[in-house]
Amino acid sequence: MQSVRPAAVAGAFYPAEPRELAGLVGRLLADARPPRLEQVPKALIAPHAGYVYSGPIAATAFACWAGRCAGVRRVVLLGPAHFVPLSGLALPVAAAHETPLGTIGHDEPEALRGLPQVFHSDEAHAREHSLEVELPFLKTVCGSFALVPLAVGSASPEEVASVLDALWGGEETRIVISSDLSHYLPYDEARRRDERSARRIEALEPLEGGDACGAHGVNGLLLAARRRGLRATRLDLRNSGDTAGDRSAVVGYGAWALA
C-alpha cells in the first residue's frame, strides 16, 4: 500500500520537470480564450490527452477558474478507468497524488460511506492518466485544495449523480469530469460526431458510450445538473487534427462549463 500515488505519465503526457511544466501550463492558460461567464462554473468537463494534443482545449476549461478559486477547499475529479475493468467508482487507498508541481492530498468525505457503487482500488489509479493530466491545471488555478479522485468504470447516470450529489457542497467544492470525445475517426466524421455530442451535452442529454471515453462520468454530471437547473456552456471543441497530428484518425476534445 502506497501513501502517495506517484505520477505515472509525467514526462510522457506532460513535462516532468517542474519549471518546464509550470511554464507550459501558464502559457496554455494565458493563450486560452473562454467566453466570459457571469457565474463561476461549479463544474467543468475537460479532455485528458497529452498536452500537445488536448492541452489548449483543457486550458480553455480551467481558465474559467483562474483568479476565481477563492474559498475552494475541495475538488471532486472523475475520469474513466482505461486499464482496469470496474463496476462502479473507485477511490484510491493512497492518501495523496504526487505531481511535478507538488503533492495534492486526498479527501475522503463521510458522505461516500455506505454508497455501494464506491469502493477502494489503488490498482485502478496506478496507471490512470485521465485524472492525472488534469492535476497540473488544477494546481495552477486553484492552489491548495483537497482532491477526491474517482476512477469511473461501468456505472449508471444515477449511480454517478448520487456520488456527485453527496459531494456537491457549496462554494468550497468544485467538480471536474475528465473525458475525451470520439476516437480515431477521420477528421470530418469526427467533427460531425463531436458536434452532435456537444449539442447533447448542452441540452443536458446523455451521451452514448461511443461518443466519449468518459461518457459515464459526463452523463452522471448531466443528470445532476438537470436536477439543479444548471446550464452547460460550450468553451471549446476541437480534435487532434486541429492541434497536432494528421487528420486520418483523430481524437475529439471538448470543454464545457456548468453553472
C-alpha atoms as a PDB file:
ATOM      1  CA  MET A   1       0.000   0.000   0.000  1.00  0.00           C
ATOM      2  CA  GLN A   2       1.437   3.377  -1.019  1.00  0.00           C
ATOM      3  CA  SER A   3       0.567   6.518   0.912  1.00  0.00           C
ATOM      4  CA  VAL A   4       1.230   8.679  -2.179  1.00  0.00           C
ATOM      5  CA  ARG A   5       0.234   7.718  -5.702  1.00  0.00           C
ATOM      6  CA  PRO A   6       3.283   8.527  -7.888  1.00  0.00           C
ATOM      7  CA  ALA A   7       2.889  10.499 -11.103  1.00  0.00           C
ATOM      8  CA  ALA A   8       2.585   7.872 -13.830  1.00  0.00           C
ATOM      9  CA  VAL A   9       2.616   9.871 -17.081  1.00  0.00           C
ATOM     10  CA  ALA A  10       4.876  12.817 -16.230  1.00  0.00           C
ATOM     11  CA  GLY A  11       7.454  13.014 -18.997  1.00  0.00           C
ATOM     12  CA  ALA A  12       5.030  11.421 -21.461  1.00  0.00           C
ATOM     13  CA  PHE A  13       1.676  13.239 -21.424  1.00  0.00           C
ATOM     14  CA  TYR A  14       3.207  16.418 -19.978  1.00  0.00           C
ATOM     15  CA  PRO A  15       6.676  17.602 -18.868  1.00  0.00           C
ATOM     16  CA  ALA A  16       8.145  16.022 -15.756  1.00  0.00           C
ATOM     17  CA  GLU A  17      10.450  18.934 -14.933  1.00  0.00           C
ATOM     18  CA  PRO A  18       8.552  21.330 -12.626  1.00  0.00           C
ATOM     19  CA  ARG A  19       9.717  24.612 -14.149  1.00  0.00           C
ATOM     20  CA  GLU A  20       9.060  23.408 -17.687  1.00  0.00           C
ATOM     21  CA  LEU A  21       5.618  22.125 -16.722  1.00  0.00           C
ATOM     22  CA  ALA A  22       4.679  25.314 -14.871  1.00  0.00           C
ATOM     23  CA  GLY A  23       5.754  27.370 -17.863  1.00  0.00           C
ATOM     24  CA  LEU A  24       3.764  25.264 -20.298  1.00  0.00           C
ATOM     25  CA  VAL A  25       0.594  25.286 -18.188  1.00  0.00           C
ATOM     26  CA  GLY A  26       0.958  29.028 -17.683  1.00  0.00           C
ATOM     27  CA  ARG A  27       1.269  29.636 -21.420  1.00  0.00           C
ATOM     28  CA  LEU A  28      -1.692  27.414 -22.229  1.00  0.00           C
ATOM     29  CA  LEU A  29      -3.865  29.234 -19.694  1.00  0.00           C
ATOM     30  CA  ALA A  30      -2.682  32.658 -20.898  1.00  0.00           C
ATOM     31  CA  ASP A  31      -3.496  31.747 -24.505  1.00  0.00           C
ATOM     32  CA  ALA A  32      -6.954  30.365 -23.665  1.00  0.00           C
ATOM     33  CA  ARG A  33      -9.918  32.474 -24.687  1.00  0.00           C
ATOM     34  CA  PRO A  34     -13.019  31.123 -22.938  1.00  0.00           C
ATOM     35  CA  PRO A  35     -16.209  33.164 -23.105  1.00  0.00           C
ATOM     36  CA  ARG A  36     -16.685  35.408 -20.094  1.00  0.00           C
ATOM     37  CA  LEU A  37     -19.125  33.752 -17.734  1.00  0.00           C
ATOM     38  CA  GLU A  38     -21.051  35.819 -15.217  1.00  0.00           C
ATOM     39  CA  GLN A  39     -21.314  32.904 -12.812  1.00  0.00           C
ATOM     40  CA  VAL A  40     -18.278  30.976 -11.669  1.00  0.00           C
ATOM     41  CA  PRO A  41     -18.747  27.435 -13.005  1.00  0.00           C
ATOM     42  CA  LYS A  42     -19.496  24.789 -10.412  1.00  0.00           C
ATOM     43  CA  ALA A  43     -18.264  22.057 -12.756  1.00  0.00           C
ATOM     44  CA  LEU A  44     -16.058  21.649 -15.804  1.00  0.00           C
ATOM     45  CA  ILE A  45     -15.768  18.981 -18.478  1.00  0.00           C
ATOM     46  CA  ALA A  46     -12.200  18.831 -19.811  1.00  0.00           C
ATOM     47  CA  PRO A  47     -10.155  16.436 -22.001  1.00  0.00           C
ATOM     48  CA  HIS A  48      -7.236  14.324 -20.832  1.00  0.00           C
ATOM     49  CA  ALA A  49      -4.845  13.510 -23.683  1.00  0.00           C
ATOM     50  CA  GLY A  50      -1.217  14.553 -23.893  1.00  0.00           C
ATOM     51  CA  TYR A  51      -0.858  18.299 -23.649  1.00  0.00           C
ATOM     52  CA  VAL A  52       0.397  18.623 -27.229  1.00  0.00           C
ATOM     53  CA  TYR A  53      -2.975  17.255 -28.335  1.00  0.00           C
ATOM     54  CA  SER A  54      -5.592  18.396 -25.818  1.00  0.00           C
ATOM     55  CA  GLY A  55      -3.747  20.912 -23.652  1.00  0.00           C
ATOM     56  CA  PRO A  56      -5.174  24.009 -25.359  1.00  0.00           C
ATOM     57  CA  ILE A  57      -8.739  22.705 -25.005  1.00  0.00           C
ATOM     58  CA  ALA A  58      -8.253  21.712 -21.360  1.00  0.00           C
ATOM     59  CA  ALA A  59      -6.746  25.136 -20.676  1.00  0.00           C
ATOM     60  CA  THR A  60      -9.872  26.784 -22.070  1.00  0.00           C
ATOM     61  CA  ALA A  61     -11.862  24.996 -19.381  1.00  0.00           C
ATOM     62  CA  PHE A  62      -9.534  25.675 -16.448  1.00  0.00           C
ATOM     63  CA  ALA A  63      -9.040  29.305 -17.451  1.00  0.00           C
ATOM     64  CA  CYS A  64     -12.655  29.831 -16.332  1.00  0.00           C
ATOM     65  CA  TRP A  65     -11.472  29.253 -12.764  1.00  0.00           C
ATOM     66  CA  ALA A  66      -8.286  31.327 -12.971  1.00  0.00           C
ATOM     67  CA  GLY A  67      -8.483  34.018 -10.303  1.00  0.00           C
ATOM     68  CA  ARG A  68     -11.879  32.673  -9.214  1.00  0.00           C
ATOM     69  CA  CYS A  69     -10.930  29.920  -6.748  1.00  0.00           C
ATOM     70  CA  ALA A  70     -11.007  31.873  -3.504  1.00  0.00           C
ATOM     71  CA  GLY A  71     -12.574  29.688  -0.841  1.00  0.00           C
ATOM     72  CA  VAL A  72     -12.263  26.456  -2.833  1.00  0.00           C
ATOM     73  CA  ARG A  73     -11.101  23.727  -0.477  1.00  0.00           C
ATOM     74  CA  ARG A  74     -12.080  20.567  -2.368  1.00  0.00           C
ATOM     75  CA  VAL A  75     -12.108  19.405  -5.987  1.00  0.00           C
ATOM     76  CA  VAL A  76     -14.050  16.293  -6.984  1.00  0.00           C
ATOM     77  CA  LEU A  77     -12.384  14.744 -10.056  1.00  0.00           C
ATOM     78  CA  LEU A  78     -13.943  11.924 -12.072  1.00  0.00           C
ATOM     79  CA  GLY A  79     -12.245  10.229 -15.008  1.00  0.00           C
ATOM     80  CA  PRO A  80     -12.737   6.980 -16.913  1.00  0.00           C
ATOM     81  CA  ALA A  81     -10.796   3.872 -15.926  1.00  0.00           C
ATOM     82  CA  HIS A  82      -8.806   2.903 -19.026  1.00  0.00           C
ATOM     83  CA  PHE A  83      -6.752  -0.025 -17.704  1.00  0.00           C
ATOM     84  CA  VAL A  84      -8.727  -1.873 -15.022  1.00  0.00           C
ATOM     85  CA  PRO A  85     -12.285  -3.149 -15.558  1.00  0.00           C
ATOM     86  CA  LEU A  86     -14.520  -1.611 -12.917  1.00  0.00           C
ATOM     87  CA  SER A  87     -18.149  -1.747 -11.927  1.00  0.00           C
ATOM     88  CA  GLY A  88     -18.803   1.481 -10.072  1.00  0.00           C
ATOM     89  CA  LEU A  89     -16.416   4.218  -8.966  1.00  0.00           C
ATOM     90  CA  ALA A  90     -13.028   3.624  -7.332  1.00  0.00           C
ATOM     91  CA  LEU A  91     -11.269   5.807  -4.788  1.00  0.00           C
ATOM     92  CA  PRO A  92      -7.561   5.200  -4.242  1.00  0.00           C
ATOM     93  CA  VAL A  93      -6.287   3.812  -0.965  1.00  0.00           C
ATOM     94  CA  ALA A  94      -3.350   6.216  -1.285  1.00  0.00           C
ATOM     95  CA  ALA A  95      -3.697   9.437   0.671  1.00  0.00           C
ATOM     96  CA  ALA A  96      -2.299  11.796  -1.963  1.00  0.00           C
ATOM     97  CA  HIS A  97      -1.380  12.273  -5.634  1.00  0.00           C
ATOM     98  CA  GLU A  98       2.178  13.259  -6.500  1.00  0.00           C
ATOM     99  CA  THR A  99       2.637  15.826  -9.287  1.00  0.00           C
ATOM    100  CA  PRO A 100       5.723  17.718 -10.510  1.00  0.00           C
ATOM    101  CA  LEU A 101       4.077  20.872  -9.128  1.00  0.00           C
ATOM    102  CA  GLY A 102       3.590  19.444  -5.647  1.00  0.00           C
ATOM    103  CA  THR A 103       1.691  16.737  -3.795  1.00  0.00           C
ATOM    104  CA  ILE A 104      -2.100  17.022  -3.597  1.00  0.00           C
ATOM    105  CA  GLY A 105      -3.706  15.418  -0.570  1.00  0.00           C
ATOM    106  CA  HIS A 106      -6.890  13.403  -0.829  1.00  0.00           C
ATOM    107  CA  ASP A 107     -10.181  13.937   0.947  1.00  0.00           C
ATOM    108  CA  GLU A 108     -12.496  11.021   1.638  1.00  0.00           C
ATOM    109  CA  PRO A 109     -15.788  12.519   2.766  1.00  0.00           C
ATOM    110  CA  GLU A 110     -18.025  10.673   5.170  1.00  0.00           C
ATOM    111  CA  ALA A 111     -20.850  11.196   2.676  1.00  0.00           C
ATOM    112  CA  LEU A 112     -19.396   8.500   0.397  1.00  0.00           C
ATOM    113  CA  ARG A 113     -19.508   5.806   3.036  1.00  0.00           C
ATOM    114  CA  GLY A 114     -22.403   3.477   2.523  1.00  0.00           C
ATOM    115  CA  LEU A 115     -22.720   4.148  -1.217  1.00  0.00           C
ATOM    116  CA  PRO A 116     -22.483   0.636  -2.696  1.00  0.00           C
ATOM    117  CA  GLN A 117     -21.077   1.823  -6.037  1.00  0.00           C
ATOM    118  CA  VAL A 118     -17.995   3.385  -4.372  1.00  0.00           C
ATOM    119  CA  PHE A 119     -15.022   1.254  -3.335  1.00  0.00           C
ATOM    120  CA  HIS A 120     -11.223   1.460  -2.998  1.00  0.00           C
ATOM    121  CA  SER A 121      -8.669   0.345  -5.573  1.00  0.00           C
ATOM    122  CA  ASP A 122      -5.106   1.584  -5.907  1.00  0.00           C
ATOM    123  CA  GLU A 123      -4.791  -0.676  -8.950  1.00  0.00           C
ATOM    124  CA  ALA A 124      -7.429   1.337 -10.813  1.00  0.00           C
ATOM    125  CA  HIS A 125      -5.447   4.536 -10.196  1.00  0.00           C
ATOM    126  CA  ALA A 126      -1.879   3.282 -10.628  1.00  0.00           C
ATOM    127  CA  ARG A 127      -1.568   3.880 -14.402  1.00  0.00           C
ATOM    128  CA  GLU A 128      -4.651   6.032 -14.957  1.00  0.00           C
ATOM    129  CA  HIS A 129      -3.900   9.221 -16.897  1.00  0.00           C
ATOM    130  CA  SER A 130      -7.455  10.579 -17.160  1.00  0.00           C
ATOM    131  CA  LEU A 131      -7.228  12.017 -13.652  1.00  0.00           C
ATOM    132  CA  GLU A 132      -3.526  12.779 -13.501  1.00  0.00           C
ATOM    133  CA  VAL A 133      -3.309  15.078 -16.509  1.00  0.00           C
ATOM    134  CA  GLU A 134      -5.882  17.469 -15.014  1.00  0.00           C
ATOM    135  CA  LEU A 135      -3.858  17.981 -11.830  1.00  0.00           C
ATOM    136  CA  PRO A 136      -1.214  20.459 -13.080  1.00  0.00           C
ATOM    137  CA  PHE A 137      -4.029  22.708 -14.353  1.00  0.00           C
ATOM    138  CA  LEU A 138      -5.924  22.373 -11.086  1.00  0.00           C
ATOM    139  CA  LYS A 139      -2.808  23.008  -9.010  1.00  0.00           C
ATOM    140  CA  THR A 140      -2.095  26.137 -11.038  1.00  0.00           C
ATOM    141  CA  VAL A 141      -5.555  27.711 -10.935  1.00  0.00           C
ATOM    142  CA  CYS A 142      -6.777  26.514  -7.525  1.00  0.00           C
ATOM    143  CA  GLY A 143      -3.585  26.406  -5.474  1.00  0.00           C
ATOM    144  CA  SER A 144      -4.097  24.393  -2.312  1.00  0.00           C
ATOM    145  CA  PHE A 145      -7.091  22.060  -2.122  1.00  0.00           C
ATOM    146  CA  ALA A 146      -8.060  18.512  -1.180  1.00  0.00           C
ATOM    147  CA  LEU A 147      -8.756  16.112  -4.035  1.00  0.00           C
ATOM    148  CA  VAL A 148     -11.498  13.484  -4.275  1.00  0.00           C
ATOM    149  CA  PRO A 149     -10.252  11.338  -7.208  1.00  0.00           C
ATOM    150  CA  LEU A 150     -12.692   8.786  -8.592  1.00  0.00           C
ATOM    151  CA  ALA A 151     -11.934   6.379 -11.426  1.00  0.00           C
ATOM    152  CA  VAL A 152     -15.228   5.612 -13.136  1.00  0.00           C
ATOM    153  CA  GLY A 153     -15.991   2.225 -14.612  1.00  0.00           C
ATOM    154  CA  SER A 154     -19.362   0.864 -15.665  1.00  0.00           C
ATOM    155  CA  ALA A 155     -21.816   2.998 -13.724  1.00  0.00           C
ATOM    156  CA  SER A 156     -25.284   4.309 -14.462  1.00  0.00           C
ATOM    157  CA  PRO A 157     -26.013   8.044 -14.610  1.00  0.00           C
ATOM    158  CA  GLU A 158     -27.964   7.667 -11.370  1.00  0.00           C
ATOM    159  CA  GLU A 159     -25.041   5.969  -9.613  1.00  0.00           C
ATOM    160  CA  VAL A 160     -22.645   8.720 -10.677  1.00  0.00           C
ATOM    161  CA  ALA A 161     -25.141  11.508  -9.940  1.00  0.00           C
ATOM    162  CA  SER A 162     -25.734  10.166  -6.434  1.00  0.00           C
ATOM    163  CA  VAL A 163     -21.994  10.367  -5.761  1.00  0.00           C
ATOM    164  CA  LEU A 164     -21.890  13.932  -7.077  1.00  0.00           C
ATOM    165  CA  ASP A 165     -24.953  14.851  -5.025  1.00  0.00           C
ATOM    166  CA  ALA A 166     -23.263  13.522  -1.896  1.00  0.00           C
ATOM    167  CA  LEU A 167     -20.183  15.649  -2.599  1.00  0.00           C
ATOM    168  CA  TRP A 168     -21.848  18.723  -4.122  1.00  0.00           C
ATOM    169  CA  GLY A 169     -21.362  21.016  -1.151  1.00  0.00           C
ATOM    170  CA  GLY A 170     -21.251  24.779  -1.627  1.00  0.00           C
ATOM    171  CA  GLU A 171     -18.699  27.283  -2.863  1.00  0.00           C
ATOM    172  CA  GLU A 172     -15.920  25.279  -1.214  1.00  0.00           C
ATOM    173  CA  THR A 173     -16.360  22.402  -3.696  1.00  0.00           C
ATOM    174  CA  ARG A 174     -15.729  22.276  -7.443  1.00  0.00           C
ATOM    175  CA  ILE A 175     -16.211  19.348  -9.824  1.00  0.00           C
ATOM    176  CA  VAL A 176     -14.239  18.236 -12.890  1.00  0.00           C
ATOM    177  CA  ILE A 177     -15.294  15.485 -15.274  1.00  0.00           C
ATOM    178  CA  SER A 178     -12.418  14.262 -17.429  1.00  0.00           C
ATOM    179  CA  SER A 179     -13.372  12.954 -20.872  1.00  0.00           C
ATOM    180  CA  ASP A 180     -12.226  12.896 -24.467  1.00  0.00           C
ATOM    181  CA  LEU A 181     -14.805  12.608 -27.251  1.00  0.00           C
ATOM    182  CA  SER A 182     -14.734  10.453 -30.414  1.00  0.00           C
ATOM    183  CA  HIS A 183     -11.722   8.233 -31.036  1.00  0.00           C
ATOM    184  CA  TYR A 184      -9.808   7.554 -34.258  1.00  0.00           C
ATOM    185  CA  LEU A 185     -12.359   8.705 -36.811  1.00  0.00           C
ATOM    186  CA  PRO A 186     -11.454  10.623 -39.988  1.00  0.00           C
ATOM    187  CA  TYR A 187     -11.354  14.363 -39.351  1.00  0.00           C
ATOM    188  CA  ASP A 188     -14.656  15.372 -40.961  1.00  0.00           C
ATOM    189  CA  GLU A 189     -16.545  12.425 -39.487  1.00  0.00           C
ATOM    190  CA  ALA A 190     -15.128  13.203 -36.054  1.00  0.00           C
ATOM    191  CA  ARG A 191     -16.237  16.821 -36.320  1.00  0.00           C
ATOM    192  CA  ARG A 192     -19.794  15.742 -37.119  1.00  0.00           C
ATOM    193  CA  ARG A 193     -19.844  13.158 -34.324  1.00  0.00           C
ATOM    194  CA  ASP A 194     -18.400  15.556 -31.764  1.00  0.00           C
ATOM    195  CA  GLU A 195     -20.762  18.360 -32.754  1.00  0.00           C
ATOM    196  CA  ARG A 196     -23.669  16.008 -32.120  1.00  0.00           C
ATOM    197  CA  SER A 197     -22.203  15.104 -28.732  1.00  0.00           C
ATOM    198  CA  ALA A 198     -21.650  18.775 -27.912  1.00  0.00           C
ATOM    199  CA  ARG A 199     -25.274  19.582 -28.600  1.00  0.00           C
ATOM    200  CA  ARG A 200     -26.391  16.730 -26.378  1.00  0.00           C
ATOM    201  CA  ILE A 201     -24.202  17.967 -23.538  1.00  0.00           C
ATOM    202  CA  GLU A 202     -25.562  21.481 -23.954  1.00  0.00           C
ATOM    203  CA  ALA A 203     -29.103  20.102 -23.848  1.00  0.00           C
ATOM    204  CA  LEU A 204     -28.119  18.072 -20.737  1.00  0.00           C
ATOM    205  CA  GLU A 205     -28.974  14.893 -22.625  1.00  0.00           C
ATOM    206  CA  PRO A 206     -26.910  11.726 -22.065  1.00  0.00           C
ATOM    207  CA  LEU A 207     -24.182  10.631 -24.446  1.00  0.00           C
ATOM    208  CA  GLU A 208     -23.892   7.187 -25.945  1.00  0.00           C
ATOM    209  CA  GLY A 209     -20.949   5.030 -24.919  1.00  0.00           C
ATOM    210  CA  GLY A 210     -19.080   5.512 -28.191  1.00  0.00           C
ATOM    211  CA  ASP A 211     -19.418   9.293 -28.063  1.00  0.00           C
ATOM    212  CA  ALA A 212     -16.849   9.800 -25.301  1.00  0.00           C
ATOM    213  CA  CYS A 213     -14.492   7.637 -23.260  1.00  0.00           C
ATOM    214  CA  GLY A 214     -15.731   9.398 -20.130  1.00  0.00           C
ATOM    215  CA  ALA A 215     -19.416   9.119 -21.025  1.00  0.00           C
ATOM    216  CA  HIS A 216     -20.379   7.521 -17.688  1.00  0.00           C
ATOM    217  CA  GLY A 217     -18.972  10.434 -15.711  1.00  0.00           C
ATOM    218  CA  VAL A 218     -20.355  13.024 -18.129  1.00  0.00           C
ATOM    219  CA  ASN A 219     -23.824  11.503 -18.032  1.00  0.00           C
ATOM    220  CA  GLY A 220     -23.864  11.469 -14.245  1.00  0.00           C
ATOM    221  CA  LEU A 221     -22.931  15.148 -14.170  1.00  0.00           C
ATOM    222  CA  LEU A 222     -25.585  15.996 -16.758  1.00  0.00           C
ATOM    223  CA  LEU A 223     -28.233  14.258 -14.660  1.00  0.00           C
ATOM    224  CA  ALA A 224     -27.141  16.117 -11.524  1.00  0.00           C
ATOM    225  CA  ALA A 225     -27.066  19.376 -13.497  1.00  0.00           C
ATOM    226  CA  ARG A 226     -30.619  18.869 -14.798  1.00  0.00           C
ATOM    227  CA  ARG A 227     -31.890  18.332 -11.274  1.00  0.00           C
ATOM    228  CA  ARG A 228     -30.210  21.527 -10.090  1.00  0.00           C
ATOM    229  CA  GLY A 229     -31.126  23.736 -13.013  1.00  0.00           C
ATOM    230  CA  LEU A 230     -27.565  24.234 -14.239  1.00  0.00           C
ATOM    231  CA  ARG A 231     -26.671  25.228 -17.781  1.00  0.00           C
ATOM    232  CA  ALA A 232     -23.805  23.801 -19.869  1.00  0.00           C
ATOM    233  CA  THR A 233     -21.825  26.354 -21.889  1.00  0.00           C
ATOM    234  CA  ARG A 234     -19.501  25.280 -24.682  1.00  0.00           C
ATOM    235  CA  LEU A 235     -15.984  26.644 -24.241  1.00  0.00           C
ATOM    236  CA  ASP A 236     -14.043  24.801 -26.928  1.00  0.00           C
ATOM    237  CA  LEU A 237     -14.489  21.942 -29.411  1.00  0.00           C
ATOM    238  CA  ARG A 238     -11.580  20.683 -31.478  1.00  0.00           C
ATOM    239  CA  ASN A 239      -9.676  17.499 -32.195  1.00  0.00           C
ATOM    240  CA  SER A 240      -6.128  16.264 -32.585  1.00  0.00           C
ATOM    241  CA  GLY A 241      -6.245  17.174 -36.291  1.00  0.00           C
ATOM    242  CA  ASP A 242      -6.560  20.804 -35.200  1.00  0.00           C
ATOM    243  CA  THR A 243      -3.776  20.724 -32.604  1.00  0.00           C
ATOM    244  CA  ALA A 244      -1.209  18.052 -33.512  1.00  0.00           C
ATOM    245  CA  GLY A 245      -1.102  15.005 -35.757  1.00  0.00           C
ATOM    246  CA  ASP A 246      -2.652  14.086 -39.076  1.00  0.00           C
ATOM    247  CA  ARG A 247      -6.340  14.077 -39.904  1.00  0.00           C
ATOM    248  CA  SER A 248      -6.801  10.477 -40.983  1.00  0.00           C
ATOM    249  CA  ALA A 249      -7.691   9.251 -37.478  1.00  0.00           C
ATOM    250  CA  VAL A 250      -8.270  11.890 -34.812  1.00  0.00           C
ATOM    251  CA  VAL A 251      -9.434  12.107 -31.209  1.00  0.00           C
ATOM    252  CA  GLY A 252     -12.049  14.677 -30.251  1.00  0.00           C
ATOM    253  CA  TYR A 253     -11.715  17.115 -27.365  1.00  0.00           C
ATOM    254  CA  GLY A 254     -14.300  19.412 -25.845  1.00  0.00           C
ATOM    255  CA  ALA A 255     -14.578  21.752 -22.881  1.00  0.00           C
ATOM    256  CA  TRP A 256     -17.743  22.872 -21.089  1.00  0.00           C
ATOM    257  CA  ALA A 257     -18.608  24.903 -18.021  1.00  0.00           C
ATOM    258  CA  LEU A 258     -21.693  24.165 -15.933  1.00  0.00           C
ATOM    259  CA  ALA A 259     -23.178  26.877 -13.763  1.00  0.00           C
END
